[in-house]
Each structure stands twice: as C-alpha cells, then as structure tokens.
N, C-alpha and C. Protein backbone atom coordinates (compact mmCIF):
# COMPACT_ATOMS: atom_id res chain seq x y z
N MET A 1 -8.29 -26.76 -9.95
CA MET A 1 -7.55 -27.99 -9.76
C MET A 1 -6.10 -27.74 -9.36
N PHE A 2 -5.39 -26.93 -10.17
CA PHE A 2 -3.99 -26.67 -9.89
C PHE A 2 -3.77 -25.33 -9.19
N GLY A 3 -4.81 -24.56 -8.98
CA GLY A 3 -4.65 -23.27 -8.35
C GLY A 3 -4.24 -22.15 -9.25
N TRP A 4 -4.24 -22.38 -10.58
CA TRP A 4 -3.80 -21.36 -11.51
C TRP A 4 -4.73 -20.18 -11.50
N GLY A 5 -6.00 -20.41 -11.33
CA GLY A 5 -6.98 -19.31 -11.26
C GLY A 5 -6.70 -18.40 -10.08
N LYS A 6 -6.41 -19.02 -8.95
CA LYS A 6 -6.06 -18.22 -7.74
C LYS A 6 -4.81 -17.42 -7.98
N SER A 7 -3.79 -18.02 -8.59
CA SER A 7 -2.56 -17.33 -8.83
C SER A 7 -2.74 -16.12 -9.77
N ALA A 8 -3.53 -16.32 -10.83
CA ALA A 8 -3.81 -15.21 -11.75
C ALA A 8 -4.59 -14.10 -11.04
N ASP A 9 -5.50 -14.48 -10.19
CA ASP A 9 -6.29 -13.50 -9.43
C ASP A 9 -5.37 -12.71 -8.47
N LEU A 10 -4.48 -13.42 -7.79
CA LEU A 10 -3.51 -12.72 -6.91
C LEU A 10 -2.61 -11.78 -7.66
N GLU A 11 -2.17 -12.19 -8.83
CA GLU A 11 -1.32 -11.34 -9.64
C GLU A 11 -2.07 -10.09 -10.11
N ARG A 12 -3.32 -10.24 -10.49
CA ARG A 12 -4.16 -9.12 -10.87
C ARG A 12 -4.32 -8.13 -9.74
N ARG A 13 -4.65 -8.70 -8.57
CA ARG A 13 -4.83 -7.86 -7.37
C ARG A 13 -3.52 -7.16 -6.96
N ALA A 14 -2.40 -7.88 -7.09
CA ALA A 14 -1.10 -7.27 -6.71
C ALA A 14 -0.74 -6.16 -7.69
N LYS A 15 -1.04 -6.37 -8.94
CA LYS A 15 -0.76 -5.30 -9.93
C LYS A 15 -1.60 -4.09 -9.65
N ARG A 16 -2.86 -4.31 -9.29
CA ARG A 16 -3.73 -3.14 -8.94
C ARG A 16 -3.22 -2.44 -7.70
N ALA A 17 -2.79 -3.19 -6.67
CA ALA A 17 -2.25 -2.62 -5.47
C ALA A 17 -0.95 -1.76 -5.78
N ALA A 18 -0.13 -2.32 -6.63
CA ALA A 18 1.09 -1.61 -7.01
C ALA A 18 0.72 -0.30 -7.71
N GLU A 19 -0.18 -0.33 -8.62
CA GLU A 19 -0.61 0.87 -9.32
C GLU A 19 -1.19 1.91 -8.35
N GLN A 20 -1.96 1.43 -7.37
CA GLN A 20 -2.55 2.33 -6.39
C GLN A 20 -1.48 2.96 -5.50
N MET A 21 -0.46 2.17 -5.09
CA MET A 21 0.62 2.74 -4.28
C MET A 21 1.43 3.76 -5.10
N PHE A 22 1.71 3.43 -6.37
CA PHE A 22 2.45 4.39 -7.22
C PHE A 22 1.63 5.67 -7.38
N PHE A 23 0.33 5.54 -7.46
CA PHE A 23 -0.54 6.69 -7.59
C PHE A 23 -0.35 7.62 -6.37
N PHE A 24 -0.47 7.06 -5.15
CA PHE A 24 -0.33 7.87 -3.95
C PHE A 24 1.07 8.35 -3.75
N GLN A 25 2.07 7.56 -4.12
CA GLN A 25 3.45 7.97 -4.01
C GLN A 25 3.69 9.22 -4.87
N ARG A 26 3.23 9.20 -6.14
CA ARG A 26 3.36 10.35 -7.00
C ARG A 26 2.54 11.55 -6.50
N ALA A 27 1.33 11.27 -6.09
CA ALA A 27 0.42 12.34 -5.66
C ALA A 27 0.99 13.12 -4.46
N THR A 28 1.58 12.38 -3.51
CA THR A 28 2.10 13.07 -2.30
C THR A 28 3.31 13.93 -2.65
N VAL A 29 4.01 13.63 -3.70
CA VAL A 29 5.17 14.42 -4.08
C VAL A 29 4.72 15.63 -4.92
N GLN A 30 3.71 15.43 -5.76
CA GLN A 30 3.33 16.45 -6.72
C GLN A 30 2.22 17.38 -6.26
N LEU A 31 1.40 16.96 -5.29
CA LEU A 31 0.21 17.75 -4.93
C LEU A 31 0.30 18.31 -3.52
N PRO A 32 -0.23 19.49 -3.30
CA PRO A 32 -0.38 19.92 -1.92
C PRO A 32 -1.54 19.12 -1.24
N PHE A 33 -1.46 19.05 0.05
CA PHE A 33 -2.44 18.25 0.79
C PHE A 33 -3.89 18.71 0.47
N SER A 34 -4.10 19.98 0.30
CA SER A 34 -5.43 20.50 0.05
C SER A 34 -6.07 19.98 -1.23
N GLU A 35 -5.26 19.49 -2.18
CA GLU A 35 -5.78 18.99 -3.44
C GLU A 35 -5.85 17.45 -3.53
N LEU A 36 -5.27 16.79 -2.57
CA LEU A 36 -5.18 15.32 -2.64
C LEU A 36 -6.51 14.62 -2.68
N ARG A 37 -7.42 14.98 -1.79
CA ARG A 37 -8.72 14.28 -1.72
C ARG A 37 -9.48 14.36 -3.03
N VAL A 38 -9.58 15.54 -3.57
CA VAL A 38 -10.29 15.71 -4.86
C VAL A 38 -9.62 14.92 -5.95
N TYR A 39 -8.33 14.93 -6.04
CA TYR A 39 -7.58 14.20 -7.05
C TYR A 39 -7.79 12.66 -6.88
N ALA A 40 -7.71 12.18 -5.64
CA ALA A 40 -7.89 10.76 -5.38
C ALA A 40 -9.30 10.31 -5.69
N GLU A 41 -10.29 11.11 -5.36
CA GLU A 41 -11.68 10.76 -5.67
C GLU A 41 -11.90 10.73 -7.17
N ARG A 42 -11.28 11.62 -7.90
CA ARG A 42 -11.39 11.60 -9.37
C ARG A 42 -10.79 10.32 -9.96
N GLU A 43 -9.79 9.76 -9.29
CA GLU A 43 -9.15 8.53 -9.76
C GLU A 43 -9.82 7.26 -9.28
N GLY A 44 -10.91 7.36 -8.49
CA GLY A 44 -11.65 6.19 -8.09
C GLY A 44 -11.56 5.80 -6.65
N PHE A 45 -11.01 6.64 -5.80
CA PHE A 45 -10.92 6.33 -4.37
C PHE A 45 -11.97 7.07 -3.57
N ILE A 46 -12.35 6.56 -2.43
CA ILE A 46 -13.22 7.28 -1.54
C ILE A 46 -12.44 7.64 -0.28
N SER A 47 -12.73 8.76 0.27
CA SER A 47 -12.04 9.25 1.47
C SER A 47 -12.58 8.49 2.67
N THR A 48 -11.69 8.03 3.53
CA THR A 48 -12.10 7.30 4.73
C THR A 48 -11.64 7.98 6.00
N GLY A 49 -11.03 9.13 5.87
CA GLY A 49 -10.52 9.82 7.06
C GLY A 49 -10.69 11.29 7.00
N ASP A 50 -10.31 11.94 8.06
CA ASP A 50 -10.36 13.38 8.17
C ASP A 50 -9.33 13.96 7.21
N SER A 51 -9.78 14.83 6.34
CA SER A 51 -8.84 15.41 5.37
C SER A 51 -8.72 16.92 5.59
N SER A 52 -8.87 17.33 6.85
CA SER A 52 -8.71 18.74 7.16
C SER A 52 -7.23 19.12 7.10
N SER A 53 -6.97 20.32 6.75
CA SER A 53 -5.58 20.75 6.65
C SER A 53 -4.88 20.80 8.01
N ARG A 54 -5.68 20.83 9.09
CA ARG A 54 -5.09 20.81 10.44
C ARG A 54 -4.32 19.53 10.69
N SER A 55 -4.94 18.42 10.31
CA SER A 55 -4.34 17.10 10.66
C SER A 55 -3.22 16.66 9.71
N ASN A 56 -3.24 17.16 8.48
CA ASN A 56 -2.26 16.79 7.47
C ASN A 56 -2.17 15.26 7.26
N GLN A 57 -3.25 14.54 7.51
CA GLN A 57 -3.31 13.12 7.22
C GLN A 57 -4.71 12.73 6.91
N THR A 58 -4.85 11.71 6.09
CA THR A 58 -6.17 11.24 5.67
C THR A 58 -6.09 9.82 5.19
N GLY A 59 -7.21 9.22 4.95
CA GLY A 59 -7.24 7.83 4.47
C GLY A 59 -8.14 7.67 3.25
N PHE A 60 -7.84 6.62 2.47
CA PHE A 60 -8.59 6.33 1.24
C PHE A 60 -8.77 4.83 1.08
N ARG A 61 -9.77 4.48 0.32
CA ARG A 61 -10.04 3.09 -0.08
C ARG A 61 -10.54 3.08 -1.54
N TRP A 62 -10.15 2.08 -2.27
CA TRP A 62 -10.59 1.89 -3.65
C TRP A 62 -12.12 1.74 -3.62
N ALA A 63 -12.80 2.53 -4.44
CA ALA A 63 -14.28 2.55 -4.40
C ALA A 63 -14.93 1.48 -5.26
N SER A 64 -14.27 1.06 -6.29
CA SER A 64 -14.88 0.10 -7.25
C SER A 64 -14.41 -1.30 -6.98
N GLY A 65 -15.33 -2.23 -6.85
CA GLY A 65 -14.98 -3.60 -6.60
C GLY A 65 -14.50 -3.82 -5.18
N GLU A 66 -13.88 -4.99 -4.98
CA GLU A 66 -13.40 -5.29 -3.64
C GLU A 66 -12.00 -4.72 -3.41
N ALA A 67 -11.87 -3.94 -2.35
CA ALA A 67 -10.60 -3.33 -2.01
C ALA A 67 -9.78 -4.28 -1.15
N ASP A 68 -8.44 -4.28 -1.37
CA ASP A 68 -7.53 -5.10 -0.59
C ASP A 68 -6.78 -4.30 0.47
N PHE A 69 -6.74 -2.97 0.30
CA PHE A 69 -5.94 -2.10 1.18
C PHE A 69 -6.70 -0.86 1.58
N ASP A 70 -6.37 -0.40 2.78
CA ASP A 70 -6.74 0.95 3.22
C ASP A 70 -5.44 1.76 3.10
N PHE A 71 -5.54 2.95 2.51
CA PHE A 71 -4.37 3.81 2.32
C PHE A 71 -4.43 4.98 3.28
N PHE A 72 -3.32 5.26 3.91
CA PHE A 72 -3.21 6.37 4.86
C PHE A 72 -2.09 7.26 4.39
N VAL A 73 -2.42 8.54 4.18
CA VAL A 73 -1.45 9.47 3.65
C VAL A 73 -1.17 10.51 4.71
N GLU A 74 0.10 10.82 4.91
CA GLU A 74 0.50 11.83 5.90
C GLU A 74 1.44 12.85 5.24
N TYR A 75 1.15 14.09 5.44
CA TYR A 75 1.97 15.19 4.99
C TYR A 75 2.64 15.81 6.19
N SER A 76 3.78 15.32 6.58
CA SER A 76 4.56 15.92 7.67
C SER A 76 5.88 16.40 7.03
N ASP A 77 6.94 16.42 7.77
CA ASP A 77 8.24 16.84 7.21
C ASP A 77 8.57 16.04 5.97
N ARG A 78 8.36 14.75 6.08
CA ARG A 78 8.52 13.83 4.95
C ARG A 78 7.18 13.15 4.71
N ARG A 79 6.69 13.29 3.52
CA ARG A 79 5.39 12.72 3.23
C ARG A 79 5.45 11.24 3.11
N SER A 80 4.38 10.58 3.55
CA SER A 80 4.41 9.12 3.54
C SER A 80 3.03 8.54 3.20
N VAL A 81 3.05 7.33 2.66
CA VAL A 81 1.86 6.57 2.33
C VAL A 81 2.00 5.21 3.00
N THR A 82 1.00 4.81 3.77
CA THR A 82 0.96 3.47 4.38
C THR A 82 -0.30 2.78 3.90
N ALA A 83 -0.16 1.59 3.39
CA ALA A 83 -1.33 0.81 2.99
C ALA A 83 -1.40 -0.49 3.79
N GLU A 84 -2.50 -0.68 4.49
CA GLU A 84 -2.66 -1.90 5.29
C GLU A 84 -3.65 -2.81 4.65
N ALA A 85 -3.25 -4.06 4.47
CA ALA A 85 -4.08 -5.07 3.81
C ALA A 85 -5.06 -5.68 4.77
N TYR A 86 -6.11 -6.23 4.21
CA TYR A 86 -7.08 -7.04 5.01
C TYR A 86 -7.61 -8.18 4.18
N GLY A 87 -8.47 -8.98 4.75
CA GLY A 87 -8.99 -10.15 4.06
C GLY A 87 -7.93 -11.21 4.00
N ASP A 88 -7.87 -11.92 2.86
CA ASP A 88 -6.94 -13.02 2.70
C ASP A 88 -5.48 -12.63 2.59
N ILE A 89 -5.20 -11.31 2.56
CA ILE A 89 -3.80 -10.86 2.56
C ILE A 89 -3.51 -10.01 3.80
N PHE A 90 -4.33 -10.16 4.82
CA PHE A 90 -4.16 -9.42 6.09
C PHE A 90 -2.74 -9.60 6.62
N GLY A 91 -2.20 -8.53 7.13
CA GLY A 91 -0.87 -8.60 7.72
C GLY A 91 0.21 -7.97 6.87
N LEU A 92 -0.12 -7.65 5.61
CA LEU A 92 0.83 -6.93 4.75
C LEU A 92 0.69 -5.45 4.91
N VAL A 93 1.82 -4.75 4.86
CA VAL A 93 1.83 -3.30 4.95
C VAL A 93 2.77 -2.79 3.85
N LEU A 94 2.27 -1.86 3.04
CA LEU A 94 3.10 -1.22 2.02
C LEU A 94 3.44 0.19 2.50
N LEU A 95 4.70 0.55 2.39
CA LEU A 95 5.19 1.84 2.87
C LEU A 95 5.94 2.61 1.79
N ALA A 96 5.57 3.86 1.60
CA ALA A 96 6.27 4.72 0.68
C ALA A 96 6.57 6.04 1.39
N HIS A 97 7.77 6.54 1.22
CA HIS A 97 8.18 7.81 1.81
C HIS A 97 8.70 8.71 0.70
N SER A 98 8.40 9.99 0.80
CA SER A 98 8.77 10.94 -0.26
C SER A 98 10.28 11.03 -0.50
N HIS A 99 11.08 10.69 0.48
CA HIS A 99 12.54 10.79 0.34
C HIS A 99 13.21 9.49 -0.09
N LEU A 100 12.41 8.43 -0.29
CA LEU A 100 12.95 7.15 -0.72
C LEU A 100 12.37 6.75 -2.06
N PRO A 101 13.18 6.13 -2.92
CA PRO A 101 12.73 5.77 -4.27
C PRO A 101 11.86 4.52 -4.37
N THR A 102 11.92 3.68 -3.37
CA THR A 102 11.20 2.39 -3.47
C THR A 102 10.04 2.33 -2.44
N ILE A 103 9.15 1.40 -2.72
CA ILE A 103 8.03 1.09 -1.81
C ILE A 103 8.36 -0.21 -1.13
N SER A 104 8.26 -0.23 0.20
CA SER A 104 8.58 -1.47 0.90
C SER A 104 7.31 -2.30 1.15
N VAL A 105 7.49 -3.59 1.09
CA VAL A 105 6.38 -4.56 1.34
C VAL A 105 6.74 -5.24 2.66
N GLU A 106 6.09 -4.85 3.71
CA GLU A 106 6.41 -5.32 5.05
C GLU A 106 5.37 -6.32 5.54
N ILE A 107 5.77 -7.07 6.55
CA ILE A 107 4.89 -7.97 7.25
C ILE A 107 4.62 -7.40 8.63
N LYS A 108 3.37 -7.19 8.93
CA LYS A 108 2.99 -6.58 10.22
C LYS A 108 3.15 -7.65 11.28
N LYS A 109 4.11 -7.44 12.13
CA LYS A 109 4.44 -8.47 13.16
C LYS A 109 3.93 -8.08 14.54
N ALA A 110 3.39 -6.93 14.69
CA ALA A 110 2.97 -6.41 16.01
C ALA A 110 1.69 -7.20 16.50
N TYR A 111 1.61 -7.34 17.78
CA TYR A 111 0.43 -7.91 18.42
C TYR A 111 0.12 -9.36 17.99
N GLY A 112 1.11 -10.11 17.61
CA GLY A 112 0.89 -11.50 17.23
C GLY A 112 -0.05 -11.65 16.06
N VAL A 113 0.08 -10.81 15.06
CA VAL A 113 -0.79 -10.82 13.89
C VAL A 113 -0.74 -12.15 13.18
N THR A 114 -1.88 -12.73 12.90
CA THR A 114 -1.96 -13.95 12.09
C THR A 114 -2.14 -13.47 10.63
N MET A 115 -1.28 -13.95 9.76
CA MET A 115 -1.30 -13.53 8.38
C MET A 115 -2.51 -14.14 7.67
N GLY A 116 -3.05 -13.43 6.69
CA GLY A 116 -4.05 -13.94 5.82
C GLY A 116 -3.52 -15.10 4.98
N LYS A 117 -4.37 -16.00 4.55
CA LYS A 117 -3.91 -17.23 3.90
C LYS A 117 -3.12 -16.97 2.61
N ASN A 118 -3.32 -15.85 1.96
CA ASN A 118 -2.56 -15.54 0.72
C ASN A 118 -1.55 -14.43 0.87
N ALA A 119 -1.30 -13.99 2.10
CA ALA A 119 -0.39 -12.86 2.33
C ALA A 119 1.03 -13.13 1.87
N ALA A 120 1.59 -14.28 2.16
CA ALA A 120 2.97 -14.58 1.76
C ALA A 120 3.10 -14.61 0.22
N ARG A 121 2.18 -15.25 -0.45
CA ARG A 121 2.18 -15.33 -1.91
C ARG A 121 2.02 -13.91 -2.52
N PHE A 122 1.11 -13.16 -1.96
CA PHE A 122 0.85 -11.79 -2.48
C PHE A 122 2.13 -10.96 -2.30
N ARG A 123 2.79 -11.09 -1.17
CA ARG A 123 4.03 -10.34 -0.92
C ARG A 123 5.10 -10.72 -1.93
N LYS A 124 5.23 -11.97 -2.21
CA LYS A 124 6.22 -12.43 -3.17
C LYS A 124 5.95 -11.86 -4.57
N ILE A 125 4.68 -11.80 -4.93
CA ILE A 125 4.34 -11.20 -6.25
C ILE A 125 4.72 -9.74 -6.23
N MET A 126 4.38 -9.00 -5.16
CA MET A 126 4.65 -7.58 -5.09
C MET A 126 6.15 -7.31 -5.19
N LEU A 127 6.95 -8.18 -4.54
CA LEU A 127 8.41 -7.97 -4.56
C LEU A 127 8.99 -8.20 -5.94
N GLY A 128 8.27 -8.82 -6.83
CA GLY A 128 8.73 -9.02 -8.21
C GLY A 128 8.52 -7.78 -9.08
N PHE A 129 7.76 -6.82 -8.62
CA PHE A 129 7.54 -5.61 -9.41
C PHE A 129 8.67 -4.60 -9.24
N PRO A 130 9.02 -3.90 -10.29
CA PRO A 130 10.03 -2.85 -10.15
C PRO A 130 9.57 -1.79 -9.18
N GLY A 131 10.48 -1.28 -8.37
CA GLY A 131 10.18 -0.22 -7.45
C GLY A 131 9.70 -0.69 -6.09
N PHE A 132 9.67 -2.01 -5.86
CA PHE A 132 9.27 -2.56 -4.55
C PHE A 132 10.42 -3.32 -3.93
N ASP A 133 10.54 -3.25 -2.60
CA ASP A 133 11.56 -4.01 -1.92
C ASP A 133 11.01 -4.58 -0.61
N GLY A 134 11.82 -5.39 0.01
CA GLY A 134 11.39 -6.09 1.25
C GLY A 134 11.54 -5.26 2.48
N GLY A 135 11.90 -4.01 2.39
CA GLY A 135 11.96 -3.12 3.50
C GLY A 135 12.94 -3.57 4.59
N THR A 136 12.47 -3.54 5.81
CA THR A 136 13.29 -3.89 6.98
C THR A 136 13.87 -5.27 6.84
N GLU A 137 13.12 -6.21 6.34
CA GLU A 137 13.62 -7.59 6.17
C GLU A 137 14.82 -7.62 5.28
N ASP A 138 14.82 -6.89 4.15
CA ASP A 138 15.96 -6.83 3.26
C ASP A 138 17.19 -6.24 3.93
N ILE A 139 16.95 -5.17 4.71
CA ILE A 139 18.07 -4.54 5.42
C ILE A 139 18.74 -5.52 6.44
N LEU A 140 17.89 -6.25 7.15
CA LEU A 140 18.40 -7.20 8.17
C LEU A 140 19.19 -8.33 7.50
N LYS A 141 18.76 -8.77 6.33
CA LYS A 141 19.44 -9.85 5.61
C LYS A 141 20.87 -9.42 5.23
N ARG A 142 21.07 -8.17 4.95
CA ARG A 142 22.39 -7.68 4.55
C ARG A 142 23.43 -7.82 5.67
N PHE A 143 22.94 -7.83 6.94
CA PHE A 143 23.84 -7.92 8.06
C PHE A 143 24.09 -9.34 8.51
N HIS A 144 23.45 -10.30 7.93
CA HIS A 144 23.64 -11.69 8.32
C HIS A 144 24.43 -12.46 7.30
C-alpha cells in the first residue's frame, strides 16, 4: 500500500551489493590474481569470465538467489572492480580502484541508457553507506 515492503527490499539488496563490492575491493588489494577465482567461489560467487593469468581480468556473479550486479575485476597497474547493474536497477555502475578509498556509485549515461525503475532510489540508498560516493557527479558539483 505505502511501498514500505519495496523500500525494505531495496535496502536489503543495496546492503548486499555494498558487502559484495567491499569483498572485491579488499580481495583485489590482498590477493594475487591467481587466487581470486577460488576465493570468490568459496564466498558464493560464480565465475563468468576468463580468469587466465594472461588477461588479468575476469567476471563474477552472485550464485545464490537473484543477482543484481555483474562484477568485473581487472588487475592492471591499478587494480579495479566494476559492477554493472541489471533488472530494475539497470544503469547503475559501481567502481572501486585500488588507489582510492571510496567506491563510486555512477549512472551509466552512454548510449542513451534508460534507467531501471528503481535505479535512482537504489543509488540514493547506496550513497548513504559509509565508503560510497557519487563519483564523477560529486566532482562536477564541486565546480558549480
């Protein structure tokens, strides 16, 4: 009736997404690439990409229940994690870099992307968590 159930569900999903991003952010700093896949699978993720040491990048998805994000991990000069949302929160992108302390919650604006119906609310919830920021949008606001 009032949408409280939806709000609680979005908060639960956002908390899970935050925990998953923190997991990959920590893992990329602490683990060599060769150990990442095994560690992630032990924590409940399935591998969705090539995890050969030649490419130094791979993908993961939460294996249990409905997943909201695909996670892409890259081990280059600076290690990074990118999580792209789909479904009702399509259009959100979470970014973590090994040299930065925060995770940014971005809106994918390329190619005229239509946002999922709950993307804006989900983003607002994510921005309320410690360690998350608005990324590029926050930087641009500082100059206006």
